[in-house]
Amino acid sequence: MAEESDLFRSVADVLIKEHGWDRAVQIATAVRAFVYDHPTPGPHRDDAANLYARLGWEQAALLASWFRDSRNWPQTTRRRTT
C-alpha cells in the first residue's frame, strides 16, 4: 500500500526530470482538468489524458494537488509571504 500512496510523487519526479518544472506544472494542470471532468483543449491535453488514464482518478487528483502545494515548489518558484 505504501508504494501506491507514493505513486503520484514518483510520477511528479519523472515529469519534472523529463519536462522541467514549468512544463510539468502545465501537464499537471491539464490532468487536474480531467480530475474535475472538464478537460480543455490545449497543448498538454494528450499528455494529460494518457497520464489520467494510467493513474486513475484518485492518483491523478493527488498528482495535481502535489503540484499545487507550494511546499513542493522549487525554492526559486516559491512566493514570499513575509
PDB file of N, CA and C in Angstrom:
ATOM      1  N   MET A   1       0.805  -1.201   0.000  1.00  0.00           N
ATOM      2  CA  MET A   1       0.000   0.000   0.000  1.00  0.00           C
ATOM      3  C   MET A   1       0.848   1.266   0.000  1.00  0.00           C
ATOM      4  N   ALA A   2       1.973   1.246   0.676  1.00  0.00           N
ATOM      5  CA  ALA A   2       2.822   2.434   0.713  1.00  0.00           C
ATOM      6  C   ALA A   2       3.311   2.789  -0.687  1.00  0.00           C
ATOM      7  N   GLU A   3       3.575   1.761  -1.495  1.00  0.00           N
ATOM      8  CA  GLU A   3       4.018   2.015  -2.866  1.00  0.00           C
ATOM      9  C   GLU A   3       2.938   2.745  -3.655  1.00  0.00           C
ATOM     10  N   GLU A   4       1.687   2.360  -3.467  1.00  0.00           N
ATOM     11  CA  GLU A   4       0.594   3.010  -4.175  1.00  0.00           C
ATOM     12  C   GLU A   4       0.431   4.456  -3.724  1.00  0.00           C
ATOM     13  N   SER A   5       0.583   4.727  -2.445  1.00  0.00           N
ATOM     14  CA  SER A   5       0.381   6.087  -1.952  1.00  0.00           C
ATOM     15  C   SER A   5       1.485   7.034  -2.401  1.00  0.00           C
ATOM     16  N   ASP A   6       2.639   6.497  -2.768  1.00  0.00           N
ATOM     17  CA  ASP A   6       3.745   7.330  -3.230  1.00  0.00           C
ATOM     18  C   ASP A   6       3.827   7.408  -4.745  1.00  0.00           C
ATOM     19  N   LEU A   7       2.894   6.777  -5.429  1.00  0.00           N
ATOM     20  CA  LEU A   7       2.919   6.753  -6.885  1.00  0.00           C
ATOM     21  C   LEU A   7       2.900   8.160  -7.467  1.00  0.00           C
ATOM     22  N   PHE A   8       2.031   9.025  -6.958  1.00  0.00           N
ATOM     23  CA  PHE A   8       1.928  10.380  -7.517  1.00  0.00           C
ATOM     24  C   PHE A   8       3.222  11.157  -7.333  1.00  0.00           C
ATOM     25  N   ARG A   9       3.925  10.922  -6.236  1.00  0.00           N
ATOM     26  CA  ARG A   9       5.217  11.599  -6.029  1.00  0.00           C
ATOM     27  C   ARG A   9       6.252  11.114  -7.040  1.00  0.00           C
ATOM     28  N   SER A  10       6.242   9.825  -7.312  1.00  0.00           N
ATOM     29  CA  SER A  10       7.160   9.270  -8.305  1.00  0.00           C
ATOM     30  C   SER A  10       6.857   9.815  -9.690  1.00  0.00           C
ATOM     31  N   VAL A  11       5.586   9.904 -10.017  1.00  0.00           N
ATOM     32  CA  VAL A  11       5.183  10.450 -11.316  1.00  0.00           C
ATOM     33  C   VAL A  11       5.590  11.922 -11.403  1.00  0.00           C
ATOM     34  N   ALA A  12       5.410  12.653 -10.337  1.00  0.00           N
ATOM     35  CA  ALA A  12       5.816  14.065 -10.315  1.00  0.00           C
ATOM     36  C   ALA A  12       7.317  14.180 -10.576  1.00  0.00           C
ATOM     37  N   ASP A  13       8.109  13.342  -9.922  1.00  0.00           N
ATOM     38  CA  ASP A  13       9.560  13.365 -10.129  1.00  0.00           C
ATOM     39  C   ASP A  13       9.922  13.090 -11.588  1.00  0.00           C
ATOM     40  N   VAL A  14       9.259  12.112 -12.177  1.00  0.00           N
ATOM     41  CA  VAL A  14       9.531  11.767 -13.577  1.00  0.00           C
ATOM     42  C   VAL A  14       9.141  12.924 -14.497  1.00  0.00           C
ATOM     43  N   LEU A  15       7.965  13.509 -14.253  1.00  0.00           N
ATOM     44  CA  LEU A  15       7.533  14.647 -15.076  1.00  0.00           C
ATOM     45  C   LEU A  15       8.524  15.797 -15.012  1.00  0.00           C
ATOM     46  N   ILE A  16       8.993  16.094 -13.826  1.00  0.00           N
ATOM     47  CA  ILE A  16       9.938  17.203 -13.649  1.00  0.00           C
ATOM     48  C   ILE A  16      11.264  16.896 -14.327  1.00  0.00           C
ATOM     49  N   LYS A  17      11.750  15.677 -14.182  1.00  0.00           N
ATOM     50  CA  LYS A  17      13.021  15.302 -14.815  1.00  0.00           C
ATOM     51  C   LYS A  17      12.903  15.299 -16.336  1.00  0.00           C
ATOM     52  N   GLU A  18      11.773  14.831 -16.854  1.00  0.00           N
ATOM     53  CA  GLU A  18      11.582  14.746 -18.304  1.00  0.00           C
ATOM     54  C   GLU A  18      11.312  16.094 -18.959  1.00  0.00           C
ATOM     55  N   HIS A  19      10.498  16.921 -18.297  1.00  0.00           N
ATOM     56  CA  HIS A  19       9.989  18.131 -18.950  1.00  0.00           C
ATOM     57  C   HIS A  19      10.434  19.436 -18.315  1.00  0.00           C
ATOM     58  N   GLY A  20      11.063  19.375 -17.169  1.00  0.00           N
ATOM     59  CA  GLY A  20      11.374  20.600 -16.435  1.00  0.00           C
ATOM     60  C   GLY A  20      10.158  21.027 -15.622  1.00  0.00           C
ATOM     61  N   TRP A  21      10.407  21.907 -14.670  1.00  0.00           N
ATOM     62  CA  TRP A  21       9.356  22.301 -13.736  1.00  0.00           C
ATOM     63  C   TRP A  21       8.149  22.937 -14.420  1.00  0.00           C
ATOM     64  N   ASP A  22       8.379  23.919 -15.263  1.00  0.00           N
ATOM     65  CA  ASP A  22       7.268  24.681 -15.847  1.00  0.00           C
ATOM     66  C   ASP A  22       6.330  23.809 -16.674  1.00  0.00           C
ATOM     67  N   ARG A  23       6.892  22.991 -17.546  1.00  0.00           N
ATOM     68  CA  ARG A  23       6.037  22.134 -18.379  1.00  0.00           C
ATOM     69  C   ARG A  23       5.356  21.056 -17.533  1.00  0.00           C
ATOM     70  N   ALA A  24       6.053  20.521 -16.534  1.00  0.00           N
ATOM     71  CA  ALA A  24       5.441  19.525 -15.647  1.00  0.00           C
ATOM     72  C   ALA A  24       4.217  20.120 -14.948  1.00  0.00           C
ATOM     73  N   VAL A  25       4.319  21.370 -14.517  1.00  0.00           N
ATOM     74  CA  VAL A  25       3.180  22.041 -13.883  1.00  0.00           C
ATOM     75  C   VAL A  25       2.031  22.191 -14.874  1.00  0.00           C
ATOM     76  N   GLN A  26       2.346  22.527 -16.102  1.00  0.00           N
ATOM     77  CA  GLN A  26       1.299  22.677 -17.114  1.00  0.00           C
ATOM     78  C   GLN A  26       0.598  21.348 -17.394  1.00  0.00           C
ATOM     79  N   ILE A  27       1.360  20.273 -17.434  1.00  0.00           N
ATOM     80  CA  ILE A  27       0.761  18.952 -17.637  1.00  0.00           C
ATOM     81  C   ILE A  27      -0.100  18.584 -16.438  1.00  0.00           C
ATOM     82  N   ALA A  28       0.391  18.835 -15.232  1.00  0.00           N
ATOM     83  CA  ALA A  28      -0.385  18.541 -14.020  1.00  0.00           C
ATOM     84  C   ALA A  28      -1.666  19.364 -13.973  1.00  0.00           C
ATOM     85  N   THR A  29      -1.604  20.589 -14.447  1.00  0.00           N
ATOM     86  CA  THR A  29      -2.801  21.431 -14.506  1.00  0.00           C
ATOM     87  C   THR A  29      -3.810  20.848 -15.485  1.00  0.00           C
ATOM     88  N   ALA A  30      -3.312  20.330 -16.598  1.00  0.00           N
ATOM     89  CA  ALA A  30      -4.202  19.686 -17.568  1.00  0.00           C
ATOM     90  C   ALA A  30      -4.800  18.403 -16.990  1.00  0.00           C
ATOM     91  N   VAL A  31      -4.016  17.666 -16.201  1.00  0.00           N
ATOM     92  CA  VAL A  31      -4.534  16.468 -15.526  1.00  0.00           C
ATOM     93  C   VAL A  31      -5.639  16.872 -14.552  1.00  0.00           C
ATOM     94  N   ARG A  32      -5.438  17.966 -13.857  1.00  0.00           N
ATOM     95  CA  ARG A  32      -6.442  18.456 -12.898  1.00  0.00           C
ATOM     96  C   ARG A  32      -7.783  18.707 -13.590  1.00  0.00           C
ATOM     97  N   ALA A  33      -7.734  19.202 -14.816  1.00  0.00           N
ATOM     98  CA  ALA A  33      -8.973  19.420 -15.560  1.00  0.00           C
ATOM     99  C   ALA A  33      -9.700  18.098 -15.804  1.00  0.00           C
ATOM    100  N   PHE A  34      -8.958  17.027 -16.036  1.00  0.00           N
ATOM    101  CA  PHE A  34      -9.581  15.705 -16.198  1.00  0.00           C
ATOM    102  C   PHE A  34     -10.167  15.223 -14.868  1.00  0.00           C
ATOM    103  N   VAL A  35      -9.474  15.502 -13.782  1.00  0.00           N
ATOM    104  CA  VAL A  35      -9.969  15.107 -12.452  1.00  0.00           C
ATOM    105  C   VAL A  35     -11.340  15.733 -12.197  1.00  0.00           C
ATOM    106  N   TYR A  36     -11.495  16.995 -12.587  1.00  0.00           N
ATOM    107  CA  TYR A  36     -12.761  17.703 -12.392  1.00  0.00           C
ATOM    108  C   TYR A  36     -13.742  17.486 -13.540  1.00  0.00           C
ATOM    109  N   ASP A  37     -13.374  16.572 -14.451  1.00  0.00           N
ATOM    110  CA  ASP A  37     -14.225  16.198 -15.580  1.00  0.00           C
ATOM    111  C   ASP A  37     -14.520  17.374 -16.500  1.00  0.00           C
ATOM    112  N   HIS A  38     -13.533  18.262 -16.641  1.00  0.00           N
ATOM    113  CA  HIS A  38     -13.647  19.408 -17.542  1.00  0.00           C
ATOM    114  C   HIS A  38     -12.368  19.588 -18.352  1.00  0.00           C
ATOM    115  N   PRO A  39     -11.959  18.526 -19.076  1.00  0.00           N
ATOM    116  CA  PRO A  39     -10.732  18.691 -19.856  1.00  0.00           C
ATOM    117  C   PRO A  39     -10.906  19.776 -20.914  1.00  0.00           C
ATOM    118  N   THR A  40      -9.886  20.542 -21.093  1.00  0.00           N
ATOM    119  CA  THR A  40      -9.940  21.656 -22.041  1.00  0.00           C
ATOM    120  C   THR A  40      -8.918  21.427 -23.149  1.00  0.00           C
ATOM    121  N   PRO A  41      -9.163  22.010 -24.303  1.00  0.00           N
ATOM    122  CA  PRO A  41      -8.168  21.891 -25.369  1.00  0.00           C
ATOM    123  C   PRO A  41      -6.891  22.626 -24.981  1.00  0.00           C
ATOM    124  N   GLY A  42      -5.799  22.143 -25.438  1.00  0.00           N
ATOM    125  CA  GLY A  42      -4.533  22.800 -25.150  1.00  0.00           C
ATOM    126  C   GLY A  42      -3.380  21.914 -25.554  1.00  0.00           C
ATOM    127  N   PRO A  43      -2.179  22.454 -25.458  1.00  0.00           N
ATOM    128  CA  PRO A  43      -1.008  21.720 -25.925  1.00  0.00           C
ATOM    129  C   PRO A  43      -0.661  20.490 -25.074  1.00  0.00           C
ATOM    130  N   HIS A  44      -1.187  20.393 -23.869  1.00  0.00           N
ATOM    131  CA  HIS A  44      -0.841  19.283 -22.979  1.00  0.00           C
ATOM    132  C   HIS A  44      -2.000  18.324 -22.750  1.00  0.00           C
ATOM    133  N   ARG A  45      -3.065  18.493 -23.496  1.00  0.00           N
ATOM    134  CA  ARG A  45      -4.255  17.660 -23.311  1.00  0.00           C
ATOM    135  C   ARG A  45      -3.958  16.176 -23.534  1.00  0.00           C
ATOM    136  N   ASP A  46      -3.235  15.836 -24.598  1.00  0.00           N
ATOM    137  CA  ASP A  46      -2.947  14.428 -24.883  1.00  0.00           C
ATOM    138  C   ASP A  46      -2.081  13.801 -23.795  1.00  0.00           C
ATOM    139  N   ASP A  47      -1.046  14.529 -23.363  1.00  0.00           N
ATOM    140  CA  ASP A  47      -0.209  14.025 -22.268  1.00  0.00           C
ATOM    141  C   ASP A  47      -1.041  13.824 -21.005  1.00  0.00           C
ATOM    142  N   ALA A  48      -1.906  14.778 -20.730  1.00  0.00           N
ATOM    143  CA  ALA A  48      -2.745  14.701 -19.530  1.00  0.00           C
ATOM    144  C   ALA A  48      -3.734  13.543 -19.635  1.00  0.00           C
ATOM    145  N   ALA A  49      -4.331  13.347 -20.797  1.00  0.00           N
ATOM    146  CA  ALA A  49      -5.294  12.257 -20.991  1.00  0.00           C
ATOM    147  C   ALA A  49      -4.617  10.905 -20.774  1.00  0.00           C
ATOM    148  N   ASN A  50      -3.417  10.740 -21.321  1.00  0.00           N
ATOM    149  CA  ASN A  50      -2.680   9.484 -21.131  1.00  0.00           C
ATOM    150  C   ASN A  50      -2.325   9.264 -19.671  1.00  0.00           C
ATOM    151  N   LEU A  51      -1.866  10.306 -19.024  1.00  0.00           N
ATOM    152  CA  LEU A  51      -1.491  10.210 -17.617  1.00  0.00           C
ATOM    153  C   LEU A  51      -2.710   9.905 -16.751  1.00  0.00           C
ATOM    154  N   TYR A  52      -3.800  10.589 -17.015  1.00  0.00           N
ATOM    155  CA  TYR A  52      -5.030  10.365 -16.254  1.00  0.00           C
ATOM    156  C   TYR A  52      -5.521   8.926 -16.437  1.00  0.00           C
ATOM    157  N   ALA A  53      -5.468   8.429 -17.653  1.00  0.00           N
ATOM    158  CA  ALA A  53      -5.910   7.056 -17.926  1.00  0.00           C
ATOM    159  C   ALA A  53      -5.039   6.037 -17.191  1.00  0.00           C
ATOM    160  N   ARG A  54      -3.765   6.309 -17.100  1.00  0.00           N
ATOM    161  CA  ARG A  54      -2.849   5.381 -16.420  1.00  0.00           C
ATOM    162  C   ARG A  54      -2.968   5.448 -14.899  1.00  0.00           C
ATOM    163  N   LEU A  55      -3.153   6.653 -14.384  1.00  0.00           N
ATOM    164  CA  LEU A  55      -3.184   6.824 -12.927  1.00  0.00           C
ATOM    165  C   LEU A  55      -4.538   6.521 -12.314  1.00  0.00           C
ATOM    166  N   GLY A  56      -5.590   6.863 -13.020  1.00  0.00           N
ATOM    167  CA  GLY A  56      -6.921   6.779 -12.427  1.00  0.00           C
ATOM    168  C   GLY A  56      -7.233   8.055 -11.674  1.00  0.00           C
ATOM    169  N   TRP A  57      -8.497   8.203 -11.311  1.00  0.00           N
ATOM    170  CA  TRP A  57      -8.959   9.454 -10.714  1.00  0.00           C
ATOM    171  C   TRP A  57      -8.198   9.816  -9.438  1.00  0.00           C
ATOM    172  N   GLU A  58      -8.089   8.882  -8.501  1.00  0.00           N
ATOM    173  CA  GLU A  58      -7.515   9.198  -7.192  1.00  0.00           C
ATOM    174  C   GLU A  58      -6.050   9.630  -7.288  1.00  0.00           C
ATOM    175  N   GLN A  59      -5.228   8.852  -7.971  1.00  0.00           N
ATOM    176  CA  GLN A  59      -3.814   9.192  -8.078  1.00  0.00           C
ATOM    177  C   GLN A  59      -3.603  10.456  -8.917  1.00  0.00           C
ATOM    178  N   ALA A  60      -4.445  10.647  -9.939  1.00  0.00           N
ATOM    179  CA  ALA A  60      -4.349  11.869 -10.749  1.00  0.00           C
ATOM    180  C   ALA A  60      -4.678  13.092  -9.894  1.00  0.00           C
ATOM    181  N   ALA A  61      -5.676  12.967  -9.025  1.00  0.00           N
ATOM    182  CA  ALA A  61      -6.032  14.072  -8.131  1.00  0.00           C
ATOM    183  C   ALA A  61      -4.878  14.376  -7.177  1.00  0.00           C
ATOM    184  N   LEU A  62      -4.242  13.340  -6.656  1.00  0.00           N
ATOM    185  CA  LEU A  62      -3.099  13.541  -5.760  1.00  0.00           C
ATOM    186  C   LEU A  62      -1.926  14.188  -6.490  1.00  0.00           C
ATOM    187  N   LEU A  63      -1.697  13.767  -7.730  1.00  0.00           N
ATOM    188  CA  LEU A  63      -0.628  14.375  -8.521  1.00  0.00           C
ATOM    189  C   LEU A  63      -0.889  15.864  -8.737  1.00  0.00           C
ATOM    190  N   ALA A  64      -2.094  16.200  -9.136  1.00  0.00           N
ATOM    191  CA  ALA A  64      -2.440  17.608  -9.365  1.00  0.00           C
ATOM    192  C   ALA A  64      -2.297  18.408  -8.071  1.00  0.00           C
ATOM    193  N   SER A  65      -2.697  17.833  -6.965  1.00  0.00           N
ATOM    194  CA  SER A  65      -2.578  18.508  -5.667  1.00  0.00           C
ATOM    195  C   SER A  65      -1.123  18.699  -5.271  1.00  0.00           C
ATOM    196  N   TRP A  66      -0.289  17.718  -5.564  1.00  0.00           N
ATOM    197  CA  TRP A  66       1.125  17.812  -5.230  1.00  0.00           C
ATOM    198  C   TRP A  66       1.747  19.036  -5.899  1.00  0.00           C
ATOM    199  N   PHE A  67       1.412  19.254  -7.169  1.00  0.00           N
ATOM    200  CA  PHE A  67       1.969  20.395  -7.891  1.00  0.00           C
ATOM    201  C   PHE A  67       1.392  21.720  -7.401  1.00  0.00           C
ATOM    202  N   ARG A  68       0.190  21.718  -6.861  1.00  0.00           N
ATOM    203  CA  ARG A  68      -0.419  22.959  -6.372  1.00  0.00           C
ATOM    204  C   ARG A  68       0.073  23.343  -4.979  1.00  0.00           C
ATOM    205  N   ASP A  69       0.672  22.404  -4.271  1.00  0.00           N
ATOM    206  CA  ASP A  69       1.164  22.655  -2.912  1.00  0.00           C
ATOM    207  C   ASP A  69       2.504  23.402  -2.987  1.00  0.00           C
ATOM    208  N   SER A  70       2.535  24.619  -2.535  1.00  0.00           N
ATOM    209  CA  SER A  70       3.736  25.444  -2.653  1.00  0.00           C
ATOM    210  C   SER A  70       4.939  24.877  -1.899  1.00  0.00           C
ATOM    211  N   ARG A  71       4.717  23.986  -0.967  1.00  0.00           N
ATOM    212  CA  ARG A  71       5.842  23.372  -0.254  1.00  0.00           C
ATOM    213  C   ARG A  71       6.665  22.479  -1.173  1.00  0.00           C
ATOM    214  N   ASN A  72       6.080  22.068  -2.304  1.00  0.00           N
ATOM    215  CA  ASN A  72       6.786  21.208  -3.250  1.00  0.00           C
ATOM    216  C   ASN A  72       7.466  21.994  -4.362  1.00  0.00           C
ATOM    217  N   TRP A  73       7.253  23.281  -4.403  1.00  0.00           N
ATOM    218  CA  TRP A  73       7.817  24.104  -5.466  1.00  0.00           C
ATOM    219  C   TRP A  73       9.306  24.289  -5.255  1.00  0.00           C
ATOM    220  N   PRO A  74      10.043  24.462  -6.341  1.00  0.00           N
ATOM    221  CA  PRO A  74      11.475  24.789  -6.199  1.00  0.00           C
ATOM    222  C   PRO A  74      11.630  26.106  -5.450  1.00  0.00           C
ATOM    223  N   GLN A  75      12.716  26.262  -4.781  1.00  0.00           N
ATOM    224  CA  GLN A  75      12.952  27.474  -3.994  1.00  0.00           C
ATOM    225  C   GLN A  75      12.808  28.737  -4.829  1.00  0.00           C
ATOM    226  N   THR A  76      13.229  28.708  -6.075  1.00  0.00           N
ATOM    227  CA  THR A  76      13.170  29.894  -6.915  1.00  0.00           C
ATOM    228  C   THR A  76      11.748  30.231  -7.358  1.00  0.00           C
ATOM    229  N   THR A  77      10.834  29.275  -7.219  1.00  0.00           N
ATOM    230  CA  THR A  77       9.454  29.477  -7.650  1.00  0.00           C
ATOM    231  C   THR A  77       8.556  29.925  -6.496  1.00  0.00           C
ATOM    232  N   ARG A  78       8.962  29.649  -5.286  1.00  0.00           N
ATOM    233  CA  ARG A  78       8.129  29.944  -4.123  1.00  0.00           C
ATOM    234  C   ARG A  78       7.940  31.454  -3.965  1.00  0.00           C
ATOM    235  N   ARG A  79       6.733  31.812  -3.598  1.00  0.00           N
ATOM    236  CA  ARG A  79       6.443  33.229  -3.337  1.00  0.00           C
ATOM    237  C   ARG A  79       6.751  33.534  -1.885  1.00  0.00           C
ATOM    238  N   ARG A  80       7.228  34.717  -1.669  1.00  0.00           N
ATOM    239  CA  ARG A  80       7.473  35.130  -0.287  1.00  0.00           C
ATOM    240  C   ARG A  80       6.175  35.560   0.352  1.00  0.00           C
ATOM    241  N   THR A  81       5.966  35.128   1.586  1.00  0.00           N
ATOM    242  CA  THR A  81       4.743  35.505   2.287  1.00  0.00           C
ATOM    243  C   THR A  81       5.025  36.493   3.408  1.00  0.00           C
ATOM    244  N   THR A  82       6.284  36.865   3.582  1.00  0.00           N
ATOM    245  CA  THR A  82       6.613  37.813   4.658  1.00  0.00           C
ATOM    246  C   THR A  82       6.967  39.158   4.099  1.00  0.00           C
TER     247      THR A  82
END
